């Protein structure tokens, strides 16, 4: 996968082109973190008690799938087949910035999920409007 120039420049500044990619447990997409951000996430995950089954599952899936990658000279990443298979990545991808990470979706999965989110989203937001009090976008 070739990253857009702006994204490459940001990753170069944040983590010298070193990234970590892992799975998203709720959606069929990948999560790409600059190495410096992943180290923060990993410390938090490792700080959870692994006696609790949910915490252990979270650690097992996120840390267990975490893969260190380096951008090549052309700003490309080569994902291992395990990650490509999980996220059903093919030729067309969608990158979605999410603050400290980037979600990487197959275009087909993104379009399908976006349709559902748009359908369900309006009613869910209305039902939980108090949660967003004071938010201005």
N, C-alpha and C. Protein backbone atom coordinates (compact mmCIF):
# COMPACT_ATOMS: atom_id res chain seq x y z
N UNK A 1 0.84 -1.16 0.00
CA UNK A 1 0.00 0.00 0.00
C UNK A 1 0.90 1.23 0.00
N UNK A 2 0.60 2.17 -0.88
CA UNK A 2 1.32 3.44 -0.91
C UNK A 2 0.53 4.46 -0.10
N UNK A 3 1.21 5.14 0.79
CA UNK A 3 0.56 6.17 1.61
C UNK A 3 0.60 7.51 0.89
N UNK A 4 -0.43 8.34 1.09
CA UNK A 4 -0.41 9.69 0.53
C UNK A 4 0.79 10.47 1.08
N UNK A 5 1.29 11.40 0.29
CA UNK A 5 2.47 12.18 0.65
C UNK A 5 2.32 12.85 2.02
N UNK A 6 1.20 13.47 2.26
CA UNK A 6 0.98 14.17 3.53
C UNK A 6 1.07 13.21 4.72
N UNK A 7 0.52 12.03 4.56
CA UNK A 7 0.57 11.02 5.62
C UNK A 7 2.00 10.54 5.83
N UNK A 8 2.70 10.32 4.73
CA UNK A 8 4.11 9.90 4.82
C UNK A 8 4.95 10.92 5.57
N UNK A 9 4.73 12.19 5.24
CA UNK A 9 5.50 13.26 5.90
C UNK A 9 5.22 13.29 7.40
N UNK A 10 3.97 13.12 7.77
CA UNK A 10 3.61 13.11 9.19
C UNK A 10 4.24 11.92 9.89
N UNK A 11 4.20 10.74 9.27
CA UNK A 11 4.79 9.56 9.88
C UNK A 11 6.31 9.68 9.99
N UNK A 12 6.90 10.31 9.00
CA UNK A 12 8.35 10.52 9.04
C UNK A 12 8.72 11.40 10.22
N UNK A 13 7.94 12.45 10.43
CA UNK A 13 8.22 13.38 11.54
C UNK A 13 7.94 12.74 12.90
N UNK A 14 6.88 11.94 12.99
CA UNK A 14 6.49 11.35 14.27
C UNK A 14 7.33 10.14 14.67
N UNK A 15 7.66 9.31 13.69
CA UNK A 15 8.27 8.02 14.07
C UNK A 15 9.31 7.52 13.09
N UNK A 16 9.91 8.43 12.35
CA UNK A 16 10.97 8.06 11.41
C UNK A 16 10.55 6.90 10.49
N UNK A 17 9.30 6.96 10.00
CA UNK A 17 8.74 5.98 9.06
C UNK A 17 8.55 4.59 9.65
N UNK A 18 8.53 4.48 10.97
CA UNK A 18 8.28 3.21 11.63
C UNK A 18 6.83 3.22 12.14
N UNK A 19 6.09 2.18 11.77
CA UNK A 19 4.69 2.08 12.16
C UNK A 19 4.40 0.69 12.71
N UNK A 20 3.27 0.59 13.39
CA UNK A 20 2.76 -0.69 13.85
C UNK A 20 1.35 -0.82 13.32
N UNK A 21 1.05 -1.97 12.76
CA UNK A 21 -0.28 -2.25 12.24
C UNK A 21 -0.84 -3.44 13.01
N UNK A 22 -2.10 -3.31 13.43
CA UNK A 22 -2.78 -4.40 14.12
C UNK A 22 -4.23 -4.44 13.64
N UNK A 23 -4.99 -5.38 14.17
CA UNK A 23 -6.38 -5.52 13.75
C UNK A 23 -7.28 -4.65 14.61
N UNK A 24 -8.45 -4.33 14.08
CA UNK A 24 -9.51 -3.71 14.85
C UNK A 24 -10.40 -4.87 15.29
N UNK A 25 -10.70 -4.95 16.56
CA UNK A 25 -11.48 -6.09 17.05
C UNK A 25 -12.96 -6.01 16.69
N UNK A 26 -13.46 -4.82 16.40
CA UNK A 26 -14.89 -4.66 16.14
C UNK A 26 -15.25 -4.61 14.67
N UNK A 27 -14.28 -4.29 13.84
CA UNK A 27 -14.54 -4.10 12.42
C UNK A 27 -13.47 -4.81 11.60
N UNK A 28 -13.79 -5.17 10.35
CA UNK A 28 -12.79 -5.83 9.50
C UNK A 28 -11.84 -4.83 8.85
N UNK A 29 -11.09 -4.13 9.70
CA UNK A 29 -10.12 -3.17 9.19
C UNK A 29 -8.85 -3.28 10.02
N UNK A 30 -7.82 -2.59 9.56
CA UNK A 30 -6.54 -2.55 10.27
C UNK A 30 -6.36 -1.19 10.91
N UNK A 31 -5.55 -1.15 11.95
CA UNK A 31 -5.22 0.08 12.64
C UNK A 31 -3.73 0.32 12.47
N UNK A 32 -3.38 1.47 11.92
CA UNK A 32 -1.98 1.83 11.69
C UNK A 32 -1.61 2.93 12.67
N UNK A 33 -0.60 2.67 13.49
CA UNK A 33 -0.12 3.63 14.48
C UNK A 33 1.32 4.02 14.15
N UNK A 34 1.67 5.30 14.29
CA UNK A 34 3.10 5.63 14.32
C UNK A 34 3.70 4.88 15.51
N UNK A 35 4.93 4.44 15.39
CA UNK A 35 5.54 3.64 16.46
C UNK A 35 5.43 4.33 17.82
N UNK A 36 5.66 5.63 17.88
CA UNK A 36 5.60 6.34 19.16
C UNK A 36 4.21 6.27 19.79
N UNK A 37 3.16 6.32 18.98
CA UNK A 37 1.79 6.22 19.51
C UNK A 37 1.48 4.78 19.93
N UNK A 38 1.94 3.81 19.15
CA UNK A 38 1.69 2.42 19.50
C UNK A 38 2.32 2.07 20.84
N UNK A 39 3.50 2.59 21.10
CA UNK A 39 4.17 2.30 22.37
C UNK A 39 3.32 2.74 23.56
N UNK A 40 2.61 3.84 23.42
CA UNK A 40 1.70 4.31 24.47
C UNK A 40 0.54 3.35 24.63
N UNK A 41 -0.06 2.96 23.51
CA UNK A 41 -1.19 2.02 23.53
C UNK A 41 -0.74 0.68 24.12
N UNK A 42 0.41 0.20 23.69
CA UNK A 42 0.89 -1.09 24.18
C UNK A 42 1.12 -1.06 25.69
N UNK A 43 1.69 0.02 26.19
CA UNK A 43 1.90 0.12 27.65
C UNK A 43 0.56 0.04 28.39
N UNK A 44 -0.46 0.71 27.85
CA UNK A 44 -1.78 0.67 28.48
C UNK A 44 -2.35 -0.74 28.45
N UNK A 45 -2.20 -1.41 27.31
CA UNK A 45 -2.70 -2.79 27.20
C UNK A 45 -1.97 -3.72 28.16
N UNK A 46 -0.66 -3.57 28.23
CA UNK A 46 0.12 -4.42 29.13
C UNK A 46 -0.17 -4.13 30.59
N UNK A 47 -0.66 -2.93 30.88
CA UNK A 47 -1.01 -2.55 32.25
C UNK A 47 -2.32 -3.14 32.74
N UNK A 48 -3.12 -3.69 31.81
CA UNK A 48 -4.38 -4.31 32.21
C UNK A 48 -4.10 -5.64 32.91
N UNK A 49 -4.94 -5.98 33.85
CA UNK A 49 -4.80 -7.27 34.52
C UNK A 49 -5.16 -8.38 33.55
N UNK A 50 -4.24 -9.28 33.32
CA UNK A 50 -4.56 -10.36 32.38
C UNK A 50 -5.30 -11.51 33.05
N UNK A 51 -5.74 -11.29 34.27
CA UNK A 51 -6.60 -12.27 34.93
C UNK A 51 -8.02 -12.14 34.39
N UNK A 52 -8.44 -10.91 34.09
CA UNK A 52 -9.79 -10.70 33.54
C UNK A 52 -9.82 -11.22 32.10
N UNK A 53 -10.76 -12.07 31.78
CA UNK A 53 -10.81 -12.67 30.43
C UNK A 53 -10.92 -11.64 29.31
N UNK A 54 -11.68 -10.57 29.53
CA UNK A 54 -11.84 -9.56 28.48
C UNK A 54 -10.52 -8.83 28.23
N UNK A 55 -9.81 -8.51 29.30
CA UNK A 55 -8.52 -7.83 29.16
C UNK A 55 -7.52 -8.74 28.46
N UNK A 56 -7.52 -10.00 28.82
CA UNK A 56 -6.59 -10.96 28.20
C UNK A 56 -6.90 -11.11 26.71
N UNK A 57 -8.18 -11.14 26.36
CA UNK A 57 -8.56 -11.23 24.95
C UNK A 57 -8.10 -10.00 24.19
N UNK A 58 -8.30 -8.83 24.77
CA UNK A 58 -7.86 -7.58 24.15
C UNK A 58 -6.35 -7.60 23.93
N UNK A 59 -5.60 -7.99 24.95
CA UNK A 59 -4.15 -8.09 24.82
C UNK A 59 -3.75 -9.09 23.74
N UNK A 60 -4.37 -10.24 23.79
CA UNK A 60 -4.03 -11.32 22.85
C UNK A 60 -4.26 -10.88 21.41
N UNK A 61 -5.39 -10.23 21.16
CA UNK A 61 -5.73 -9.87 19.79
C UNK A 61 -4.95 -8.65 19.29
N UNK A 62 -4.90 -7.59 20.09
CA UNK A 62 -4.23 -6.38 19.62
C UNK A 62 -2.71 -6.50 19.62
N UNK A 63 -2.16 -6.95 20.73
CA UNK A 63 -0.70 -7.10 20.79
C UNK A 63 -0.26 -8.29 19.93
N UNK A 64 -1.05 -9.35 19.97
CA UNK A 64 -0.69 -10.55 19.21
C UNK A 64 -0.65 -10.34 17.71
N UNK A 65 -1.46 -9.43 17.20
CA UNK A 65 -1.48 -9.15 15.76
C UNK A 65 -0.60 -7.96 15.39
N UNK A 66 -0.07 -7.26 16.38
CA UNK A 66 0.74 -6.07 16.11
C UNK A 66 1.97 -6.45 15.29
N UNK A 67 2.17 -5.73 14.21
CA UNK A 67 3.27 -6.00 13.29
C UNK A 67 4.04 -4.71 13.04
N UNK A 68 5.33 -4.74 13.32
CA UNK A 68 6.19 -3.59 13.05
C UNK A 68 6.49 -3.53 11.56
N UNK A 69 6.31 -2.35 10.98
CA UNK A 69 6.60 -2.16 9.56
C UNK A 69 7.37 -0.87 9.36
N UNK A 70 8.15 -0.81 8.30
CA UNK A 70 8.86 0.40 7.90
C UNK A 70 8.36 0.82 6.54
N UNK A 71 8.12 2.11 6.35
CA UNK A 71 7.79 2.61 5.02
C UNK A 71 9.04 2.49 4.16
N UNK A 72 8.88 2.03 2.93
CA UNK A 72 10.03 1.97 2.05
C UNK A 72 10.31 3.36 1.49
N UNK A 73 11.30 3.49 0.63
CA UNK A 73 11.71 4.80 0.10
C UNK A 73 10.60 5.49 -0.68
N UNK A 74 9.63 4.72 -1.17
CA UNK A 74 8.52 5.29 -1.93
C UNK A 74 7.26 5.48 -1.07
N UNK A 75 7.38 5.30 0.24
CA UNK A 75 6.24 5.50 1.13
C UNK A 75 5.23 4.38 1.08
N UNK A 76 5.70 3.16 0.82
CA UNK A 76 4.80 2.01 0.74
C UNK A 76 4.99 1.09 1.93
N UNK A 77 3.91 0.37 2.25
CA UNK A 77 3.91 -0.64 3.30
C UNK A 77 3.50 -1.97 2.69
N UNK A 78 4.12 -3.04 3.14
CA UNK A 78 3.73 -4.38 2.71
C UNK A 78 3.17 -5.10 3.93
N UNK A 79 1.86 -5.37 3.88
CA UNK A 79 1.20 -6.04 4.99
C UNK A 79 1.35 -7.55 4.89
N UNK A 80 1.57 -8.22 6.01
CA UNK A 80 1.60 -9.68 5.99
C UNK A 80 0.23 -10.23 5.58
N UNK A 81 0.23 -11.42 5.01
CA UNK A 81 -1.03 -12.00 4.51
C UNK A 81 -2.06 -12.17 5.63
N UNK A 82 -1.63 -12.47 6.85
CA UNK A 82 -2.57 -12.62 7.97
C UNK A 82 -3.40 -11.35 8.16
N UNK A 83 -2.76 -10.18 8.08
CA UNK A 83 -3.48 -8.92 8.24
C UNK A 83 -4.33 -8.60 7.01
N UNK A 84 -3.80 -8.86 5.82
CA UNK A 84 -4.59 -8.64 4.59
C UNK A 84 -5.83 -9.51 4.58
N UNK A 85 -5.68 -10.76 4.99
CA UNK A 85 -6.83 -11.68 5.01
C UNK A 85 -7.88 -11.22 6.02
N UNK A 86 -7.45 -10.84 7.21
CA UNK A 86 -8.38 -10.41 8.25
C UNK A 86 -9.23 -9.25 7.76
N UNK A 87 -8.59 -8.28 7.14
CA UNK A 87 -9.28 -7.05 6.74
C UNK A 87 -9.82 -7.11 5.30
N UNK A 88 -9.62 -8.24 4.65
CA UNK A 88 -10.13 -8.46 3.29
C UNK A 88 -9.62 -7.39 2.32
N UNK A 89 -8.36 -7.00 2.50
CA UNK A 89 -7.80 -5.97 1.64
C UNK A 89 -7.58 -6.51 0.24
N UNK A 90 -7.95 -5.69 -0.72
CA UNK A 90 -7.74 -6.03 -2.12
C UNK A 90 -7.05 -4.86 -2.78
N UNK A 91 -7.44 -4.51 -3.98
CA UNK A 91 -6.76 -3.44 -4.71
C UNK A 91 -7.11 -2.05 -4.20
N UNK A 92 -8.39 -1.77 -3.96
CA UNK A 92 -8.80 -0.43 -3.55
C UNK A 92 -8.98 -0.37 -2.04
N UNK A 93 -8.32 0.63 -1.43
CA UNK A 93 -8.36 0.80 0.01
C UNK A 93 -8.88 2.18 0.38
N UNK A 94 -9.37 2.29 1.60
CA UNK A 94 -9.80 3.56 2.14
C UNK A 94 -9.03 3.79 3.43
N UNK A 95 -8.41 4.97 3.55
CA UNK A 95 -7.70 5.35 4.77
C UNK A 95 -8.56 6.36 5.52
N UNK A 96 -8.75 6.13 6.82
CA UNK A 96 -9.59 7.00 7.63
C UNK A 96 -8.79 7.45 8.84
N UNK A 97 -8.46 8.73 8.90
CA UNK A 97 -7.73 9.28 10.03
C UNK A 97 -8.58 9.25 11.28
N UNK A 98 -7.99 8.81 12.38
CA UNK A 98 -8.71 8.71 13.65
C UNK A 98 -7.85 9.23 14.80
N UNK A 99 -7.31 10.41 14.63
CA UNK A 99 -6.49 11.01 15.70
C UNK A 99 -5.10 10.39 15.73
N UNK A 100 -4.87 9.49 16.68
CA UNK A 100 -3.54 8.90 16.84
C UNK A 100 -3.29 7.68 15.96
N UNK A 101 -4.26 7.35 15.12
CA UNK A 101 -4.10 6.18 14.26
C UNK A 101 -4.85 6.40 12.95
N UNK A 102 -4.62 5.49 12.01
CA UNK A 102 -5.32 5.50 10.72
C UNK A 102 -5.98 4.14 10.55
N UNK A 103 -7.26 4.13 10.24
CA UNK A 103 -7.94 2.88 9.90
C UNK A 103 -7.71 2.60 8.42
N UNK A 104 -7.46 1.34 8.11
CA UNK A 104 -7.25 0.92 6.72
C UNK A 104 -8.33 -0.09 6.39
N UNK A 105 -9.17 0.25 5.42
CA UNK A 105 -10.33 -0.55 5.03
C UNK A 105 -10.23 -0.98 3.58
N UNK A 106 -10.82 -2.14 3.28
CA UNK A 106 -11.07 -2.46 1.88
C UNK A 106 -12.20 -1.53 1.45
N UNK A 107 -12.16 -1.08 0.22
CA UNK A 107 -13.20 -0.15 -0.24
C UNK A 107 -14.59 -0.77 -0.10
N UNK A 108 -14.70 -2.05 -0.41
CA UNK A 108 -16.01 -2.72 -0.33
C UNK A 108 -16.53 -2.74 1.11
N UNK A 109 -15.69 -3.13 2.06
CA UNK A 109 -16.13 -3.15 3.47
C UNK A 109 -16.49 -1.75 3.95
N UNK A 110 -15.70 -0.75 3.55
CA UNK A 110 -15.97 0.63 3.95
C UNK A 110 -17.33 1.08 3.44
N UNK A 111 -17.62 0.83 2.18
CA UNK A 111 -18.90 1.24 1.60
C UNK A 111 -20.08 0.55 2.29
N UNK A 112 -19.93 -0.74 2.57
CA UNK A 112 -21.00 -1.47 3.25
C UNK A 112 -21.24 -0.92 4.64
N UNK A 113 -20.18 -0.74 5.41
CA UNK A 113 -20.32 -0.25 6.78
C UNK A 113 -20.83 1.18 6.80
N UNK A 114 -20.35 2.01 5.87
CA UNK A 114 -20.78 3.40 5.82
C UNK A 114 -22.30 3.48 5.59
N UNK A 115 -22.82 2.63 4.73
CA UNK A 115 -24.27 2.61 4.49
C UNK A 115 -25.02 2.30 5.78
N UNK A 116 -24.55 1.31 6.51
CA UNK A 116 -25.20 0.93 7.78
C UNK A 116 -25.09 2.07 8.79
N UNK A 117 -23.90 2.65 8.90
CA UNK A 117 -23.71 3.73 9.88
C UNK A 117 -24.59 4.92 9.57
N UNK A 118 -24.71 5.26 8.30
CA UNK A 118 -25.56 6.39 7.94
C UNK A 118 -27.02 6.10 8.25
N UNK A 119 -27.43 4.86 8.01
CA UNK A 119 -28.82 4.47 8.30
C UNK A 119 -29.10 4.51 9.80
N UNK A 120 -28.22 3.89 10.57
CA UNK A 120 -28.43 3.76 12.01
C UNK A 120 -27.97 4.99 12.79
N UNK A 121 -27.03 5.71 12.22
CA UNK A 121 -26.37 6.78 12.95
C UNK A 121 -27.27 7.90 13.40
N UNK A 122 -28.12 8.37 12.54
CA UNK A 122 -28.96 9.51 12.88
C UNK A 122 -29.83 9.21 14.10
N UNK A 123 -30.46 8.05 14.11
CA UNK A 123 -31.34 7.74 15.24
C UNK A 123 -30.52 7.50 16.51
N UNK A 124 -29.36 6.88 16.40
CA UNK A 124 -28.52 6.65 17.58
C UNK A 124 -28.02 7.96 18.17
N UNK A 125 -27.69 8.90 17.31
CA UNK A 125 -27.21 10.20 17.81
C UNK A 125 -28.32 10.95 18.52
N UNK A 126 -29.52 10.88 18.00
CA UNK A 126 -30.66 11.56 18.63
C UNK A 126 -30.94 10.94 20.00
N UNK A 127 -30.89 9.61 20.07
CA UNK A 127 -31.16 8.92 21.33
C UNK A 127 -30.13 9.25 22.41
N UNK A 128 -28.91 9.55 22.01
CA UNK A 128 -27.83 9.81 22.96
C UNK A 128 -27.32 11.24 22.87
N UNK A 129 -28.19 12.16 22.55
CA UNK A 129 -27.79 13.54 22.31
C UNK A 129 -27.11 14.17 23.52
N UNK A 130 -27.51 13.81 24.73
CA UNK A 130 -26.92 14.42 25.93
C UNK A 130 -25.43 14.07 26.06
N UNK A 131 -25.01 12.98 25.47
CA UNK A 131 -23.60 12.58 25.50
C UNK A 131 -22.71 13.60 24.77
N UNK A 132 -23.30 14.30 23.81
CA UNK A 132 -22.54 15.22 22.97
C UNK A 132 -22.78 16.70 23.32
N UNK A 133 -23.37 16.92 24.49
CA UNK A 133 -23.63 18.30 24.90
C UNK A 133 -22.33 19.08 24.96
N UNK A 134 -22.36 20.26 24.38
CA UNK A 134 -21.18 21.11 24.38
C UNK A 134 -20.24 20.86 23.20
N UNK A 135 -20.49 19.81 22.41
CA UNK A 135 -19.66 19.52 21.25
C UNK A 135 -20.12 20.37 20.09
N UNK A 136 -19.19 21.06 19.50
CA UNK A 136 -19.51 21.88 18.34
C UNK A 136 -18.56 21.47 17.23
N UNK A 137 -19.14 21.09 16.08
CA UNK A 137 -18.32 20.69 14.94
C UNK A 137 -18.65 21.52 13.73
